[in-house]
Amino acid sequence: MQIEAEVSQEGVLTAKAPDQYRGKSVCIRIEDRDSRASAQRHALSAMLDVIDAADILSRRHQEIVHTLRDFREPR
C-alpha cells in the first residue's frame, strides 16, 4: 500500500493512515520522488532498447527518450 505524506521544514512527517492501521505498528520507507522518476526513465529506456533491437520503430529509442525528456523537463 502506498500512502502520500508531507515532510515539514522541521522534519515532521505527516500522513493519514487508513482506519485498518490505527493503533498498529507500521513500517515507513522513504523514497525520493526524483530517484523513482529516474528509475522509471531507465526502465523505459531498457524496454525501448529491446524494441529497437527488434527493428520495430522508425525512430531510435534515444530519439524517443530525448523527446520524452524535453516534454517532461521544461528548460
N, C-alpha and C. Protein backbone atom coordinates (compact mmCIF):
# COMPACT_ATOMS: atom_id res chain seq x y z
N MET A 1 0.85 -1.16 0.00
CA MET A 1 0.00 0.00 0.00
C MET A 1 0.89 1.23 0.00
N GLN A 2 0.52 2.21 -0.77
CA GLN A 2 1.28 3.45 -0.84
C GLN A 2 0.45 4.56 -0.20
N ILE A 3 1.09 5.32 0.68
CA ILE A 3 0.43 6.44 1.35
C ILE A 3 1.24 7.69 1.08
N GLU A 4 0.58 8.73 0.60
CA GLU A 4 1.25 10.01 0.37
C GLU A 4 1.44 10.71 1.71
N ALA A 5 2.59 11.37 1.87
CA ALA A 5 2.89 12.07 3.11
C ALA A 5 3.60 13.38 2.81
N GLU A 6 3.61 14.26 3.77
CA GLU A 6 4.31 15.54 3.66
C GLU A 6 5.34 15.63 4.77
N VAL A 7 6.49 16.23 4.47
CA VAL A 7 7.52 16.44 5.47
C VAL A 7 7.70 17.96 5.62
N SER A 8 7.53 18.45 6.85
CA SER A 8 7.65 19.89 7.10
C SER A 8 9.12 20.30 7.09
N GLN A 9 9.37 21.61 7.11
CA GLN A 9 10.74 22.13 7.17
C GLN A 9 11.44 21.67 8.45
N GLU A 10 10.68 21.38 9.48
CA GLU A 10 11.25 20.91 10.74
C GLU A 10 11.51 19.40 10.72
N GLY A 11 11.11 18.72 9.65
CA GLY A 11 11.34 17.29 9.53
C GLY A 11 10.22 16.43 10.06
N VAL A 12 9.05 17.01 10.31
CA VAL A 12 7.92 16.25 10.83
C VAL A 12 7.17 15.62 9.66
N LEU A 13 7.03 14.31 9.71
CA LEU A 13 6.31 13.56 8.68
C LEU A 13 4.83 13.51 9.05
N THR A 14 3.97 13.89 8.10
CA THR A 14 2.53 13.88 8.34
C THR A 14 1.87 13.03 7.27
N ALA A 15 1.17 11.99 7.69
CA ALA A 15 0.47 11.11 6.76
C ALA A 15 -0.82 10.65 7.41
N LYS A 16 -1.83 10.43 6.60
CA LYS A 16 -3.10 9.90 7.12
C LYS A 16 -3.17 8.43 6.74
N ALA A 17 -3.24 7.58 7.75
CA ALA A 17 -3.30 6.14 7.51
C ALA A 17 -4.75 5.67 7.46
N PRO A 18 -5.02 4.65 6.67
CA PRO A 18 -6.37 4.08 6.64
C PRO A 18 -6.76 3.54 8.02
N ASP A 19 -8.05 3.49 8.28
CA ASP A 19 -8.56 3.05 9.58
C ASP A 19 -8.02 1.70 10.01
N GLN A 20 -7.78 0.80 9.07
CA GLN A 20 -7.33 -0.56 9.42
C GLN A 20 -5.97 -0.58 10.10
N TYR A 21 -5.20 0.51 10.01
CA TYR A 21 -3.87 0.55 10.61
C TYR A 21 -3.83 1.33 11.92
N ARG A 22 -4.95 1.89 12.34
CA ARG A 22 -4.95 2.67 13.57
C ARG A 22 -4.66 1.78 14.77
N GLY A 23 -3.76 2.26 15.62
CA GLY A 23 -3.39 1.52 16.81
C GLY A 23 -2.38 0.42 16.54
N LYS A 24 -1.89 0.29 15.31
CA LYS A 24 -0.93 -0.76 14.97
C LYS A 24 0.42 -0.14 14.63
N SER A 25 1.45 -0.94 14.72
CA SER A 25 2.79 -0.52 14.35
C SER A 25 2.97 -0.76 12.84
N VAL A 26 3.49 0.24 12.15
CA VAL A 26 3.72 0.11 10.71
C VAL A 26 5.16 0.48 10.39
N CYS A 27 5.63 0.07 9.25
CA CYS A 27 6.96 0.39 8.76
C CYS A 27 6.82 1.44 7.66
N ILE A 28 7.63 2.49 7.72
CA ILE A 28 7.59 3.54 6.71
C ILE A 28 8.91 3.55 5.95
N ARG A 29 8.82 3.53 4.63
CA ARG A 29 10.01 3.60 3.78
C ARG A 29 9.93 4.92 3.02
N ILE A 30 10.99 5.70 3.09
CA ILE A 30 11.02 6.99 2.41
C ILE A 30 11.77 6.83 1.09
N GLU A 31 11.13 7.28 0.02
CA GLU A 31 11.71 7.18 -1.31
C GLU A 31 11.62 8.55 -1.97
N ASP A 32 12.72 9.02 -2.46
CA ASP A 32 12.76 10.31 -3.13
C ASP A 32 12.06 10.20 -4.48
N ARG A 33 11.12 11.08 -4.74
CA ARG A 33 10.37 11.03 -6.00
C ARG A 33 11.27 11.16 -7.21
N ASP A 34 12.34 11.97 -7.11
CA ASP A 34 13.23 12.16 -8.25
C ASP A 34 13.93 10.86 -8.62
N SER A 35 14.36 10.09 -7.61
CA SER A 35 15.04 8.84 -7.91
C SER A 35 14.08 7.83 -8.52
N ARG A 36 12.81 7.86 -8.09
CA ARG A 36 11.81 6.96 -8.65
C ARG A 36 11.56 7.31 -10.12
N ALA A 37 11.47 8.60 -10.43
CA ALA A 37 11.26 9.03 -11.82
C ALA A 37 12.44 8.63 -12.67
N SER A 38 13.64 8.76 -12.13
CA SER A 38 14.84 8.37 -12.86
C SER A 38 14.84 6.86 -13.13
N ALA A 39 14.41 6.08 -12.15
CA ALA A 39 14.33 4.63 -12.32
C ALA A 39 13.30 4.27 -13.39
N GLN A 40 12.20 5.01 -13.41
CA GLN A 40 11.18 4.76 -14.43
C GLN A 40 11.70 5.09 -15.82
N ARG A 41 12.45 6.19 -15.94
CA ARG A 41 13.05 6.51 -17.25
C ARG A 41 14.04 5.44 -17.67
N HIS A 42 14.81 4.93 -16.71
CA HIS A 42 15.78 3.87 -17.01
C HIS A 42 15.06 2.61 -17.49
N ALA A 43 13.96 2.25 -16.83
CA ALA A 43 13.18 1.07 -17.23
C ALA A 43 12.58 1.27 -18.61
N LEU A 44 12.08 2.46 -18.89
CA LEU A 44 11.54 2.76 -20.21
C LEU A 44 12.62 2.66 -21.27
N SER A 45 13.79 3.18 -20.96
CA SER A 45 14.90 3.11 -21.90
C SER A 45 15.29 1.66 -22.19
N ALA A 46 15.29 0.82 -21.15
CA ALA A 46 15.62 -0.59 -21.34
C ALA A 46 14.59 -1.29 -22.22
N MET A 47 13.29 -0.97 -22.00
CA MET A 47 12.25 -1.57 -22.84
C MET A 47 12.41 -1.12 -24.29
N LEU A 48 12.72 0.15 -24.48
CA LEU A 48 12.89 0.67 -25.84
C LEU A 48 14.13 0.06 -26.51
N ASP A 49 15.15 -0.28 -25.72
CA ASP A 49 16.31 -0.98 -26.28
C ASP A 49 15.88 -2.30 -26.91
N VAL A 50 15.01 -3.03 -26.21
CA VAL A 50 14.53 -4.32 -26.72
C VAL A 50 13.72 -4.11 -28.00
N ILE A 51 12.85 -3.11 -28.00
CA ILE A 51 12.05 -2.83 -29.19
C ILE A 51 12.94 -2.38 -30.33
N ASP A 52 13.94 -1.56 -30.01
CA ASP A 52 14.87 -1.08 -31.02
C ASP A 52 15.62 -2.26 -31.65
N ALA A 53 16.01 -3.23 -30.84
CA ALA A 53 16.72 -4.40 -31.36
C ALA A 53 15.83 -5.22 -32.28
N ALA A 54 14.53 -5.19 -32.07
CA ALA A 54 13.59 -5.92 -32.92
C ALA A 54 13.29 -5.17 -34.22
N ASP A 55 13.87 -3.95 -34.36
CA ASP A 55 13.71 -3.13 -35.56
C ASP A 55 12.25 -2.81 -35.85
N ILE A 56 11.50 -2.49 -34.80
CA ILE A 56 10.08 -2.19 -34.94
C ILE A 56 9.85 -0.70 -35.19
N LEU A 57 10.64 0.13 -34.53
CA LEU A 57 10.41 1.57 -34.62
C LEU A 57 11.16 2.21 -35.80
N SER A 58 10.59 3.28 -36.31
CA SER A 58 11.29 4.02 -37.35
C SER A 58 12.26 5.03 -36.73
N ARG A 59 12.07 5.34 -35.44
CA ARG A 59 12.97 6.24 -34.71
C ARG A 59 13.76 5.44 -33.69
N ARG A 60 15.01 5.81 -33.50
CA ARG A 60 15.82 5.15 -32.47
C ARG A 60 15.28 5.50 -31.09
N HIS A 61 15.46 4.58 -30.17
CA HIS A 61 14.92 4.81 -28.83
C HIS A 61 15.54 6.03 -28.19
N GLN A 62 16.79 6.35 -28.52
CA GLN A 62 17.45 7.53 -27.96
C GLN A 62 16.69 8.80 -28.35
N GLU A 63 16.18 8.84 -29.58
CA GLU A 63 15.41 10.00 -30.03
C GLU A 63 14.10 10.11 -29.27
N ILE A 64 13.46 8.98 -29.03
CA ILE A 64 12.19 8.98 -28.30
C ILE A 64 12.41 9.40 -26.85
N VAL A 65 13.45 8.87 -26.20
CA VAL A 65 13.75 9.24 -24.82
C VAL A 65 14.06 10.73 -24.74
N HIS A 66 14.82 11.24 -25.70
CA HIS A 66 15.14 12.67 -25.73
C HIS A 66 13.86 13.49 -25.85
N THR A 67 12.95 13.08 -26.72
CA THR A 67 11.68 13.78 -26.89
C THR A 67 10.86 13.74 -25.61
N LEU A 68 10.84 12.57 -24.94
CA LEU A 68 10.10 12.45 -23.67
C LEU A 68 10.68 13.36 -22.60
N ARG A 69 12.01 13.43 -22.53
CA ARG A 69 12.65 14.30 -21.53
C ARG A 69 12.32 15.76 -21.80
N ASP A 70 12.35 16.15 -23.08
CA ASP A 70 12.01 17.53 -23.42
C ASP A 70 10.57 17.85 -23.02
N PHE A 71 9.69 16.89 -23.19
CA PHE A 71 8.29 17.08 -22.85
C PHE A 71 8.10 17.20 -21.33
N ARG A 72 8.78 16.32 -20.58
CA ARG A 72 8.58 16.27 -19.12
C ARG A 72 9.43 17.26 -18.35
N GLU A 73 10.59 17.66 -18.90
CA GLU A 73 11.52 18.53 -18.18
C GLU A 73 11.72 19.83 -18.96
N PRO A 74 10.80 20.79 -18.77
CA PRO A 74 10.93 22.05 -19.50
C PRO A 74 12.24 22.75 -19.17
N ARG A 75 12.78 23.37 -20.16
CA ARG A 75 14.09 24.05 -19.98
C ARG A 75 13.93 25.45 -19.49
